[in-house]
Protein backbone atom coordinates (compact mmCIF):
# COMPACT_ATOMS: atom_id res chain seq x y z
CA MET A 1 6.52 109.83 -36.89
CA GLN A 2 4.18 107.20 -35.52
CA ARG A 3 0.87 107.05 -37.35
CA ARG A 4 -2.37 105.85 -35.87
CA TYR A 5 -5.07 103.86 -37.62
CA LYS A 6 -8.08 104.18 -35.37
CA PRO A 7 -11.45 104.22 -37.16
CA SER A 8 -14.04 105.67 -34.79
CA THR A 9 -17.77 106.32 -34.76
CA ASN A 10 -17.15 109.33 -32.47
CA LEU A 11 -16.50 112.60 -34.28
CA LEU A 12 -14.23 114.16 -31.65
CA GLU A 13 -12.03 111.06 -31.49
CA GLY A 14 -11.83 110.94 -35.28
CA ILE A 15 -10.84 114.60 -35.53
CA ARG A 16 -8.11 114.12 -32.94
CA THR A 17 -6.71 111.23 -34.95
CA LEU A 18 -6.91 112.89 -38.37
CA PHE A 19 -5.93 116.48 -37.63
CA PRO A 20 -2.89 117.30 -35.46
CA LEU A 21 -3.00 120.52 -33.47
CA GLU A 22 -1.26 123.49 -35.06
CA VAL A 23 1.29 125.54 -33.13
CA CYS A 24 -0.25 128.92 -34.09
CA PRO A 25 -3.86 128.26 -35.18
CA TRP A 26 -4.80 131.86 -35.98
CA ASP A 27 -4.20 134.74 -38.38
CA ASP A 28 -1.54 137.05 -36.95
CA TYR A 29 -3.77 140.06 -36.54
CA TYR A 30 -5.91 138.35 -33.88
CA MET A 31 -2.88 137.78 -31.69
CA ARG A 32 -1.51 141.27 -32.41
CA MET A 33 -4.77 142.79 -31.18
CA ALA A 34 -4.69 140.50 -28.15
CA GLN A 35 -1.14 141.60 -27.31
CA THR A 36 -2.10 145.26 -27.71
CA ASP A 37 -5.08 144.76 -25.36
CA PHE A 38 -2.73 143.14 -22.87
CA LEU A 39 -0.16 145.94 -23.00
CA LEU A 40 -2.98 148.48 -22.57
CA GLN A 41 -4.31 146.47 -19.62
CA ARG A 42 -7.65 145.96 -21.41
CA HIS A 43 -7.29 142.21 -21.89
CA ASN A 44 -9.56 141.20 -19.00
CA LEU A 45 -12.53 143.32 -20.08
CA LYS A 46 -15.64 141.19 -20.54
CA ALA A 47 -16.60 140.78 -24.19
CA SER A 48 -18.51 138.62 -26.65
CA LYS A 49 -18.32 137.84 -30.35
CA THR A 50 -20.94 136.40 -32.68
CA TYR A 51 -20.32 134.19 -35.72
CA PHE A 52 -22.77 134.42 -38.64
CA ILE A 53 -23.02 134.51 -42.42
CA ARG A 54 -24.45 137.40 -44.40
CA LYS A 55 -25.53 135.32 -47.39
CA ALA A 56 -26.31 131.63 -47.81
CA PRO A 57 -23.90 129.74 -50.10
CA PHE A 58 -24.70 128.32 -53.56
CA GLY A 59 -27.73 130.55 -54.02
CA GLY A 60 -29.53 128.64 -51.29
CA SER A 61 -31.42 129.84 -48.24
CA PHE A 62 -29.35 128.28 -45.43
CA ALA A 63 -26.11 126.57 -44.48
CA HIS A 64 -25.22 123.59 -42.33
CA LEU A 65 -22.86 124.13 -39.40
CA GLY A 66 -19.69 122.13 -39.92
CA GLY A 67 -16.46 122.27 -37.95
CA LEU A 68 -17.94 123.06 -34.53
CA THR A 69 -16.46 119.89 -33.00
CA ALA A 70 -13.06 120.70 -34.52
CA PHE A 71 -13.23 124.18 -32.98
CA LEU A 72 -14.26 122.86 -29.55
CA ARG A 73 -11.45 120.31 -29.74
CA ILE A 74 -8.90 123.11 -30.16
CA LEU A 75 -10.36 125.05 -27.22
CA LYS A 76 -10.16 121.88 -25.13
CA ASP A 77 -6.74 120.54 -26.18
CA TYR A 78 -4.69 123.61 -27.06
CA GLU A 79 -2.11 124.94 -24.59
CA PHE A 80 0.14 127.97 -24.66
CA ASN A 81 3.26 125.90 -24.00
CA ASP A 82 6.97 126.54 -24.49
CA GLU A 83 6.79 125.66 -28.21
CA VAL A 84 4.07 128.27 -28.74
CA GLY A 85 6.10 130.77 -26.72
CA MET A 86 9.17 130.17 -28.89
CA ALA A 87 7.09 130.62 -32.05
CA LEU A 88 5.62 133.91 -30.81
CA LEU A 89 9.04 135.16 -29.74
CA ASP A 90 10.37 134.37 -33.22
CA GLN A 91 7.45 136.35 -34.70
CA GLY A 92 8.37 139.43 -32.69
CA TYR A 93 5.93 139.30 -29.79
CA ASP A 94 6.67 140.95 -26.45
CA PRO A 95 8.30 138.54 -23.93
CA VAL A 96 6.06 139.90 -21.16
CA PHE A 97 2.94 139.07 -23.19
CA ILE A 98 4.32 135.63 -24.04
CA GLY A 99 4.98 135.01 -20.36
CA TYR A 100 1.36 135.88 -19.59
CA LEU A 101 0.11 133.35 -22.14
CA THR A 102 2.43 130.51 -21.12
CA ASP A 103 2.52 131.03 -17.36
CA GLU A 104 -0.88 132.48 -16.46
CA LEU A 105 -3.42 131.84 -19.22
CA VAL A 106 -2.10 128.44 -20.45
CA LYS A 107 -5.54 127.22 -21.68
CA MET A 108 -8.35 128.90 -23.60
CA ASN A 109 -11.04 130.14 -21.24
CA VAL A 110 -14.12 131.22 -23.16
CA THR A 111 -17.74 130.13 -23.01
CA VAL A 112 -19.26 129.06 -26.31
CA TYR A 113 -22.96 128.90 -27.18
CA ALA A 114 -23.94 127.05 -30.35
CA PRO A 115 -26.36 124.66 -31.97
CA PRO A 116 -25.01 121.11 -32.48
CA GLU A 117 -22.75 120.12 -35.37
CA GLY A 118 -24.72 119.77 -38.61
CA SER A 119 -27.46 122.22 -37.59
CA ILE A 120 -28.99 124.58 -40.12
CA PHE A 121 -28.37 128.30 -39.73
CA PHE A 122 -29.65 131.23 -41.78
CA PRO A 123 -28.03 134.46 -43.01
CA ASN A 124 -27.66 137.01 -40.16
CA GLU A 125 -28.74 134.47 -37.55
CA PRO A 126 -26.29 134.44 -34.62
CA CYS A 127 -24.88 130.95 -34.98
CA ILE A 128 -21.95 130.67 -32.54
CA ILE A 129 -21.50 133.09 -29.65
CA MET A 130 -18.25 133.34 -27.68
CA GLU A 131 -18.19 135.08 -24.30
CA GLY A 132 -15.18 135.73 -22.10
CA THR A 133 -12.39 138.25 -21.85
CA LEU A 134 -11.56 140.58 -24.71
CA LEU A 135 -8.24 138.77 -25.16
CA GLY A 136 -9.92 135.37 -25.03
CA VAL A 137 -12.59 136.03 -27.64
CA ARG A 138 -10.06 137.67 -29.97
CA ILE A 139 -7.79 134.62 -29.99
CA ALA A 140 -10.76 132.24 -30.12
CA GLU A 141 -12.05 133.96 -33.25
CA GLY A 142 -8.79 133.14 -35.00
CA MET A 143 -9.33 129.49 -34.10
CA LEU A 144 -13.02 129.55 -34.98
CA LEU A 145 -13.10 130.90 -38.52
CA ALA A 146 -10.58 128.50 -40.05
CA ASN A 147 -12.33 125.54 -38.44
CA VAL A 148 -15.93 126.47 -39.26
CA ASN A 149 -16.02 128.38 -42.55
CA TYR A 150 -14.79 125.76 -45.01
CA PRO A 151 -16.41 122.79 -43.21
CA SER A 152 -19.77 124.61 -43.22
CA LEU A 153 -19.37 125.38 -46.91
CA SER A 154 -18.40 121.80 -47.74
CA MET A 155 -21.10 120.19 -45.60
CA THR A 156 -23.74 122.43 -47.16
CA LYS A 157 -22.61 121.54 -50.68
CA TRP A 158 -22.61 117.81 -50.00
CA ALA A 159 -26.00 118.00 -48.24
CA ARG A 160 -27.37 119.47 -51.47
CA VAL A 161 -25.88 116.51 -53.37
CA VAL A 162 -27.54 114.06 -50.97
CA GLN A 163 -30.86 115.89 -51.30
CA SER A 164 -30.66 115.72 -55.10
CA ALA A 165 -29.87 112.00 -55.06
CA GLY A 166 -33.23 111.22 -53.48
CA GLN A 167 -33.63 107.46 -53.06
CA GLY A 168 -30.22 106.78 -54.58
CA SER A 169 -26.94 106.39 -52.70
CA THR A 170 -24.00 108.79 -52.85
CA MET A 171 -20.23 108.46 -52.97
CA GLU A 172 -17.44 111.00 -52.49
CA PHE A 173 -14.22 110.71 -54.46
CA ALA A 174 -12.79 114.20 -54.45
CA ARG A 175 -9.31 113.42 -53.10
CA ARG A 176 -7.59 113.90 -56.47
CA ARG A 177 -8.78 117.49 -56.87
CA ALA A 178 -10.12 118.90 -53.60
CA GLN A 179 -8.18 121.75 -52.01
CA ASP A 180 -8.41 119.97 -48.64
CA PRO A 181 -9.14 116.31 -49.41
CA LEU A 182 -9.45 115.10 -45.82
CA GLN A 183 -11.80 117.82 -44.62
CA THR A 184 -13.82 117.46 -47.81
CA ALA A 185 -14.23 113.73 -47.27
CA LEU A 186 -15.12 114.15 -43.59
CA TYR A 187 -17.81 116.78 -44.08
CA ALA A 188 -19.24 114.99 -47.11
CA HIS A 189 -19.76 111.95 -44.90
CA LEU A 190 -21.29 114.02 -42.10
CA ALA A 191 -23.67 115.58 -44.66
CA GLY A 192 -25.00 112.12 -45.45
CA VAL A 193 -22.80 110.79 -48.25
CA ASN A 194 -22.67 106.99 -47.92
CA ILE A 195 -19.23 106.00 -49.22
CA SER A 196 -15.81 107.63 -49.64
CA SER A 197 -12.84 106.72 -51.80
CA ASN A 198 -10.43 108.63 -49.52
CA ALA A 199 -8.64 105.85 -47.67
CA GLU A 200 -7.04 108.28 -45.20
CA LEU A 201 -10.47 109.19 -43.83
CA ARG A 202 -10.81 105.63 -42.55
CA CYS A 203 -7.77 106.23 -40.31
CA GLY A 204 -10.00 108.24 -37.99
CA ILE A 205 -13.61 107.81 -39.11
CA ASN A 206 -15.45 104.51 -39.40
CA VAL A 207 -16.72 105.09 -42.92
CA PRO A 208 -17.03 102.59 -45.82
CA ILE A 209 -14.12 103.03 -48.26
CA ARG A 210 -14.66 101.93 -51.85
CA GLY A 211 -12.81 102.16 -55.12
CA THR A 212 -13.67 101.05 -58.66
CA GLN A 213 -11.74 100.42 -61.85
CA GLY A 214 -10.11 103.17 -63.84
CA HIS A 215 -10.03 103.21 -67.62
CA GLU A 216 -6.33 102.41 -67.55
CA PHE A 217 -7.01 99.00 -65.99
CA VAL A 218 -9.21 98.03 -68.94
CA GLN A 219 -6.76 99.57 -71.40
CA SER A 220 -3.84 97.64 -69.93
CA PHE A 221 -5.40 94.33 -71.04
CA GLY A 222 -6.24 95.45 -74.54
CA ASP A 223 -9.49 93.49 -74.26
CA GLU A 224 -12.52 94.66 -72.33
CA TYR A 225 -13.98 91.27 -71.42
CA GLU A 226 -10.63 89.92 -70.25
CA ALA A 227 -10.16 92.95 -68.00
CA PHE A 228 -13.62 92.41 -66.45
CA ASP A 229 -13.07 88.67 -66.10
CA LYS A 230 -9.74 89.04 -64.32
CA TRP A 231 -11.02 91.84 -62.10
CA LEU A 232 -13.91 89.74 -60.79
CA GLU A 233 -11.63 86.74 -60.38
CA ILE A 234 -9.38 88.73 -58.04
CA ASN A 235 -11.92 91.18 -56.57
CA PRO A 236 -15.25 89.38 -56.06
CA SER A 237 -15.88 91.51 -52.95
CA ARG A 238 -15.37 94.72 -55.00
CA PRO A 239 -17.24 93.82 -58.21
CA VAL A 240 -17.73 97.21 -59.90
CA LEU A 241 -16.86 97.37 -63.61
CA LEU A 242 -16.19 100.53 -65.67
CA VAL A 243 -18.17 100.07 -68.88
CA ASP A 244 -17.47 103.15 -71.04
CA THR A 245 -13.85 102.57 -72.15
CA VAL A 246 -14.93 101.47 -75.66
CA ASP A 247 -18.71 101.84 -76.14
CA THR A 248 -20.99 101.70 -73.13
CA LEU A 249 -24.06 99.97 -74.55
CA LYS A 250 -22.56 98.03 -77.46
CA SER A 251 -19.41 96.77 -75.77
CA GLY A 252 -19.02 97.58 -72.07
CA LEU A 253 -22.45 96.50 -70.91
CA PRO A 254 -22.57 93.13 -72.82
CA ASN A 255 -19.05 92.26 -71.62
CA ALA A 256 -19.95 93.19 -68.04
CA ILE A 257 -23.08 91.02 -68.14
CA ARG A 258 -21.05 88.10 -69.48
CA ALA A 259 -18.39 88.53 -66.77
CA PHE A 260 -20.97 88.89 -63.99
CA LYS A 261 -22.72 85.69 -65.03
CA LYS A 262 -19.44 83.78 -65.02
CA HIS A 263 -18.48 84.98 -61.53
CA TRP A 264 -21.89 85.43 -59.94
CA ASP A 265 -21.52 82.65 -57.38
CA ARG A 266 -18.04 83.89 -56.47
CA ILE A 267 -19.39 87.46 -55.98
CA LYS A 268 -22.25 86.29 -53.78
CA ALA A 269 -19.96 84.10 -51.70
CA ALA A 270 -17.70 87.11 -51.12
CA LYS A 271 -20.75 89.25 -50.24
CA GLY A 272 -19.85 91.66 -53.00
CA ALA A 273 -22.19 94.43 -54.14
CA PRO A 274 -22.00 94.23 -57.96
CA GLY A 275 -22.17 97.38 -60.04
CA ILE A 276 -21.25 99.02 -63.32
CA ARG A 277 -19.87 102.55 -63.65
CA ASN A 278 -20.68 105.15 -66.29
CA ASP A 279 -18.22 107.99 -66.78
CA SER A 280 -19.43 109.59 -70.01
CA GLY A 281 -22.37 109.96 -72.36
CA ASP A 282 -26.06 110.70 -71.91
CA LEU A 283 -26.38 109.32 -68.39
CA ALA A 284 -30.18 109.42 -68.20
CA TYR A 285 -30.64 107.51 -71.49
CA ILE A 286 -27.76 105.10 -70.84
CA THR A 287 -29.00 104.26 -67.34
CA ILE A 288 -32.47 103.29 -68.55
CA GLU A 289 -31.01 101.08 -71.31
CA GLU A 290 -28.57 99.47 -68.86
CA ARG A 291 -31.30 98.76 -66.34
CA ILE A 292 -33.44 97.07 -69.00
CA ALA A 293 -30.54 94.86 -70.11
CA LEU A 294 -29.38 94.00 -66.58
CA ASP A 295 -32.88 93.03 -65.45
CA ALA A 296 -33.44 90.98 -68.60
CA ALA A 297 -30.23 89.10 -67.82
CA GLY A 298 -31.41 88.34 -64.28
CA LEU A 299 -28.88 90.76 -62.77
CA ASN A 300 -31.40 92.80 -60.81
CA ASP A 301 -28.91 93.30 -57.95
CA VAL A 302 -26.36 95.14 -60.08
CA VAL A 303 -26.37 98.85 -59.24
CA ILE A 304 -25.29 101.63 -61.57
CA TYR A 305 -22.59 104.11 -60.52
CA GLN A 306 -22.82 107.52 -62.16
CA THR A 307 -19.72 109.70 -62.45
CA ASN A 308 -18.47 112.46 -64.79
CA ASP A 309 -18.35 115.86 -63.03
CA LEU A 310 -21.66 115.47 -61.25
CA ASP A 311 -23.06 118.09 -58.91
CA GLU A 312 -26.46 118.60 -57.32
CA TYR A 313 -27.88 120.36 -60.38
CA LEU A 314 -26.84 117.66 -62.85
CA ILE A 315 -28.00 114.90 -60.51
CA GLU A 316 -31.41 116.53 -60.16
CA ASP A 317 -31.69 116.89 -63.93
CA ILE A 318 -30.66 113.28 -64.68
CA ARG A 319 -32.84 111.89 -61.92
CA GLY A 320 -35.82 113.86 -63.23
CA GLN A 321 -35.31 112.50 -66.74
CA ILE A 322 -35.07 108.93 -65.46
CA PHE A 323 -38.17 109.35 -63.31
CA THR A 324 -40.13 110.73 -66.26
CA ASN A 325 -39.04 108.16 -68.84
CA ALA A 326 -38.30 104.90 -67.00
CA ALA A 327 -41.95 103.85 -66.87
CA LYS A 328 -42.22 104.24 -70.64
CA ALA A 329 -39.52 101.58 -70.90
CA GLY A 330 -41.38 99.25 -68.55
CA LEU A 331 -39.27 100.07 -65.47
CA ASP A 332 -40.31 101.13 -61.98
CA PRO A 333 -38.90 104.69 -61.77
CA ASN A 334 -38.41 104.60 -58.00
CA GLU A 335 -36.66 101.24 -58.11
CA THR A 336 -34.48 102.37 -61.00
CA ILE A 337 -33.33 105.46 -59.09
CA ARG A 338 -32.87 103.47 -55.88
CA LYS A 339 -30.29 101.31 -57.68
CA ILE A 340 -28.09 104.27 -58.61
CA VAL A 341 -24.97 105.44 -56.77
CA TRP A 342 -24.18 109.06 -57.54
CA ALA A 343 -20.39 109.25 -57.28
CA CYS A 344 -19.20 112.86 -57.09
CA GLY A 345 -15.71 114.31 -57.07
CA THR A 346 -14.49 117.55 -58.58
CA GLN A 347 -17.60 119.77 -58.52
CA PRO A 348 -18.78 119.37 -54.90
CA GLY A 349 -15.28 118.45 -53.73
CA THR A 350 -13.94 121.84 -54.73
CA CYS A 351 -17.24 123.71 -54.12
CA ALA A 352 -16.67 124.77 -57.71
CA ASP A 353 -19.54 127.24 -57.97
CA GLN A 354 -18.62 129.01 -54.71
CA PRO A 355 -15.24 128.14 -53.18
CA SER A 356 -15.66 130.21 -50.01
CA ILE A 357 -18.32 131.20 -47.49
CA GLY A 358 -18.52 134.67 -46.00
CA GLY A 359 -18.62 133.63 -42.36
CA VAL A 360 -17.52 136.36 -39.94
CA ALA A 361 -17.29 136.85 -36.18
CA LYS A 362 -18.07 140.36 -34.98
CA LEU A 363 -17.57 141.96 -31.59
CA SER A 364 -21.07 142.24 -30.10
CA THR A 365 -20.47 143.38 -26.50
CA VAL A 366 -17.56 144.82 -24.52
CA GLU A 367 -17.15 146.00 -20.95
CA TYR A 368 -17.18 149.78 -20.43
CA TRP A 369 -17.12 151.41 -16.99
CA ASN A 370 -17.75 148.05 -15.29
CA GLU A 371 -20.79 147.28 -17.41
CA GLU A 372 -21.03 145.13 -20.51
CA ARG A 373 -22.33 147.23 -23.41
CA ALA A 374 -23.70 146.29 -26.83
CA VAL A 375 -21.50 147.29 -29.77
CA ILE A 376 -22.24 147.49 -33.49
CA LYS A 377 -20.40 147.73 -36.79
CA ILE A 378 -22.07 150.41 -38.92
CA ALA A 379 -21.61 150.47 -42.70
CA HIS A 380 -23.73 153.20 -44.28
CA ASP A 381 -22.08 152.61 -47.65
CA ASN A 382 -22.87 148.88 -47.56
CA PRO A 383 -25.82 148.24 -45.21
CA ILE A 384 -25.54 144.45 -45.43
CA LYS A 385 -22.38 144.80 -43.32
CA THR A 386 -24.13 146.63 -40.47
CA SER A 387 -24.14 144.11 -37.64
CA ILE A 388 -26.78 143.28 -35.03
CA PRO A 389 -25.62 144.59 -31.63
CA GLY A 390 -25.57 142.66 -28.37
CA SER A 391 -24.88 139.11 -27.26
CA ASN A 392 -28.02 137.69 -28.82
CA ARG A 393 -29.54 134.27 -29.30
CA SER A 394 -31.86 132.86 -31.94
CA THR A 395 -35.08 130.92 -31.58
CA TRP A 396 -36.92 129.18 -34.40
CA LEU A 397 -40.68 129.59 -34.48
CA ARG A 398 -42.60 126.59 -35.76
CA HIS A 399 -46.27 125.89 -36.38
CA LYS A 400 -47.24 122.85 -34.32
CA ASP A 401 -49.79 121.62 -36.85
CA THR A 402 -47.42 121.55 -39.85
CA GLY A 403 -44.15 121.07 -37.98
CA GLU A 404 -42.51 123.64 -40.29
CA VAL A 405 -40.32 126.53 -39.19
CA PHE A 406 -41.57 129.88 -40.50
CA CYS A 407 -39.41 132.43 -38.67
CA CYS A 408 -35.99 132.75 -37.02
CA LEU A 409 -36.23 135.31 -34.21
CA ILE A 410 -33.08 137.06 -32.93
CA HIS A 411 -33.40 138.27 -29.34
CA ASP A 412 -31.30 139.37 -26.39
CA ARG A 413 -29.82 136.52 -24.34
CA ALA A 414 -31.88 137.58 -21.29
CA GLU A 415 -35.11 138.13 -23.19
CA ASP A 416 -38.18 135.88 -22.74
CA VAL A 417 -38.90 135.13 -26.38
CA THR A 418 -42.36 133.76 -25.62
CA LYS A 419 -43.45 137.28 -24.67
CA CYS A 420 -42.45 138.85 -27.99
CA THR A 421 -45.57 140.14 -29.71
CA SER A 422 -43.96 140.61 -33.10
CA ALA A 423 -40.86 139.75 -35.11
CA ARG A 424 -39.38 142.77 -36.90
CA HIS A 425 -37.57 142.92 -40.22
CA PRO A 426 -34.04 144.23 -39.43
CA ASP A 427 -34.08 146.99 -42.05
CA ASP A 428 -37.75 147.61 -42.83
CA GLU A 429 -39.75 149.21 -40.03
CA SER A 430 -43.06 148.47 -41.75
CA SER A 431 -42.40 144.73 -42.15
CA ARG A 432 -43.07 142.39 -39.25
CA VAL A 433 -44.61 139.07 -38.29
CA VAL A 434 -47.36 139.52 -35.69
CA LEU A 435 -47.05 136.75 -33.09
CA GLN A 436 -49.41 137.71 -30.28
CA HIS A 437 -52.49 136.04 -31.78
CA MET A 438 -50.77 132.81 -32.87
CA THR A 439 -51.90 129.96 -30.64
CA ASP A 440 -50.03 127.07 -32.28
CA LEU A 441 -46.46 128.34 -31.84
CA GLU A 442 -43.58 126.11 -30.83
CA TYR A 443 -40.34 127.81 -29.74
CA ILE A 444 -37.07 126.06 -30.59
CA PRO A 445 -34.03 127.69 -28.92
CA ARG A 446 -30.98 127.27 -31.14
CA GLN A 447 -27.95 127.88 -28.94
CA ARG A 448 -26.89 125.91 -25.88
CA ILE A 449 -23.68 125.99 -23.86
CA ALA A 450 -21.17 124.00 -25.89
CA PHE A 451 -17.93 124.85 -24.04
CA LYS A 452 -17.41 126.19 -20.52
CA ASN A 453 -14.68 126.11 -17.88
CA GLY A 454 -12.30 124.39 -20.26
CA ASP A 455 -14.62 121.48 -21.10
CA ILE A 456 -16.86 120.41 -23.96
CA GLN A 457 -20.41 120.20 -22.61
CA ASP A 458 -22.94 117.37 -22.78
CA GLY A 459 -24.57 117.06 -26.17
CA PHE A 460 -21.54 118.41 -28.05
CA ASN A 461 -19.49 115.24 -28.37
CA PRO A 462 -21.56 113.59 -31.11
CA SER A 463 -21.28 110.30 -32.90
CA ILE A 464 -20.97 110.37 -36.68
CA GLN A 465 -24.54 109.09 -36.95
CA ASP A 466 -25.81 111.81 -34.59
CA VAL A 467 -24.61 114.48 -37.03
CA LYS A 468 -25.91 112.72 -40.13
CA SER A 469 -29.33 112.25 -38.53
CA LEU A 470 -29.49 115.88 -37.42
CA VAL A 471 -28.72 117.13 -40.94
CA ARG A 472 -31.72 115.23 -42.30
CA ARG A 473 -34.00 116.01 -39.37
CA GLU A 474 -33.46 119.76 -39.56
CA GLU A 475 -33.95 119.84 -43.32
CA ASP A 476 -37.26 118.05 -42.77
CA MET A 477 -38.38 120.98 -40.58
CA LEU A 478 -38.21 123.39 -43.53
CA HIS A 479 -40.82 124.00 -46.22
CA TRP A 480 -39.82 122.52 -49.56
CA THR A 481 -39.57 125.99 -51.14
CA LEU A 482 -36.65 126.80 -48.84
CA LYS A 483 -34.78 123.66 -49.94
CA ARG A 484 -35.08 123.80 -53.69
CA LEU A 485 -31.78 124.32 -55.50
CA LYS A 486 -32.84 127.19 -57.72
CA SER A 487 -34.60 130.38 -56.59
CA PRO A 488 -35.50 129.14 -53.09
CA HIS A 489 -37.66 131.16 -50.76
CA THR A 490 -35.79 132.73 -47.84
CA MET A 491 -36.47 132.33 -44.13
CA LYS A 492 -37.80 135.34 -42.23
CA VAL A 493 -34.83 136.21 -39.99
CA SER A 494 -36.31 138.83 -37.69
CA LEU A 495 -35.48 140.86 -34.59
CA SER A 496 -37.36 141.16 -31.32
CA GLY A 497 -38.65 144.62 -30.58
CA ASP A 498 -35.88 145.30 -28.05
CA VAL A 499 -33.07 144.31 -30.43
CA PHE A 500 -34.68 146.20 -33.32
CA ASP A 501 -34.97 149.41 -31.27
CA LEU A 502 -31.38 149.12 -30.02
CA ARG A 503 -29.99 148.63 -33.52
CA LYS A 504 -32.09 151.45 -34.98
CA ARG A 505 -30.96 153.88 -32.28
CA LEU A 506 -27.26 153.08 -32.64
CA VAL A 507 -27.35 153.34 -36.43
CA PHE A 508 -29.31 156.61 -36.37
CA ASN A 509 -26.90 158.19 -33.87
CA ASN A 510 -23.76 156.67 -35.42
CA GLN A 511 -22.95 155.14 -32.03
CA LEU A 512 -20.56 152.17 -32.03
CA MET A 513 -21.41 151.38 -28.40
CA ASP A 514 -24.61 151.56 -26.39
CA ARG A 515 -23.47 153.95 -23.65
């Protein structure tokens, strides 16, 4: 098989290079329902589905949308060809249905509304809306969930790591332990991580790839200084030394300083970025002591890589300790933190504290007697699973003076949101945000047409930098209490009066369809 090495700054191009199309990119039950609709002659009914999460991951208040471009790529590139037909025939599908897919449908024909890749979305907010035929949205859901759920989880986790790092840089090296190393590396980078150790990512994405020493390299020499000396002799452009094989402060650091001084001119000539790496011990204390010694030796440019099962919580704790105590040691706390690279692998790479996200796509409208009707899933025994009926959209409400979003308003797609006088709590009739007297409101519509008539629309073919910038820009729109790692405030995700009344009526009457 011919492999391509094509680093790109365009996300769609990179995804096409890194991830080959699957033959059957869905769970079987989506296609079984689609076939049943076809055999019942219901497949061309108009319908819509809405993707959302019920709860934000990692105890947070929001998630970042990852995987949208991968989903749109499948809608654009996938064809029901002879190979797909053979696979479906082997799986027991009806030849007449297969003939419809391969001879008549051929390509996916749904319209998708979404915010751009990397956008923030809140629990119960309609994030991605698919409109088309009943058959089309069923099959598209099978393609959507596998391409959006894990990437959104991973991007959200890594964005939390980047937030915790503050002024410092970040590195991803989860390949050894991540369940899906390539997706993990990609969505870490899109979340804002600076460097990856996953060399395969560079085959499709123009991202800096870096590696450092392992303990075994130092061990193989039997002498720490000799290992450092020979490493810098051969690798002046990759001058990062692992200093905790014997004793970090008493052995590793002095030997590293000695080796750096010997090879300093060689490193500078090779435009290397010198660093030392810690992989054990009290990282806050060790870092301050290392910074004092490095600066005293005139090695102010040497950065400190931190490893050892880091996640956003540990980074925040270590960074706080350094910020509090660096000045007592005569160091500039901000400068000390700026010269740290937080290198994370296992914990964020596996999303160790929450390895899945509860993203779902629910049927929200379906055609009935030549009219599209709102539908709802009712769960009296578990109210959190009662859906919001209708093909809705979301609009963020922001105060112009502060620039901060204070409410996410869910409304019908045809509704003029600027005329809503209040925003209603979905399940509490007495709780609402009164809007009619607010004079400083800015309305930020969240969904735009992302895919229509078989094509990805303008604004949904982003560069890598577009996504990274959007992640930061949208986080800046939120109050700091929504972004803290522990016990964050939650966004008011509210309904317009029309959507609230529709939902209340359907639930009260146990109606699954508004008819």
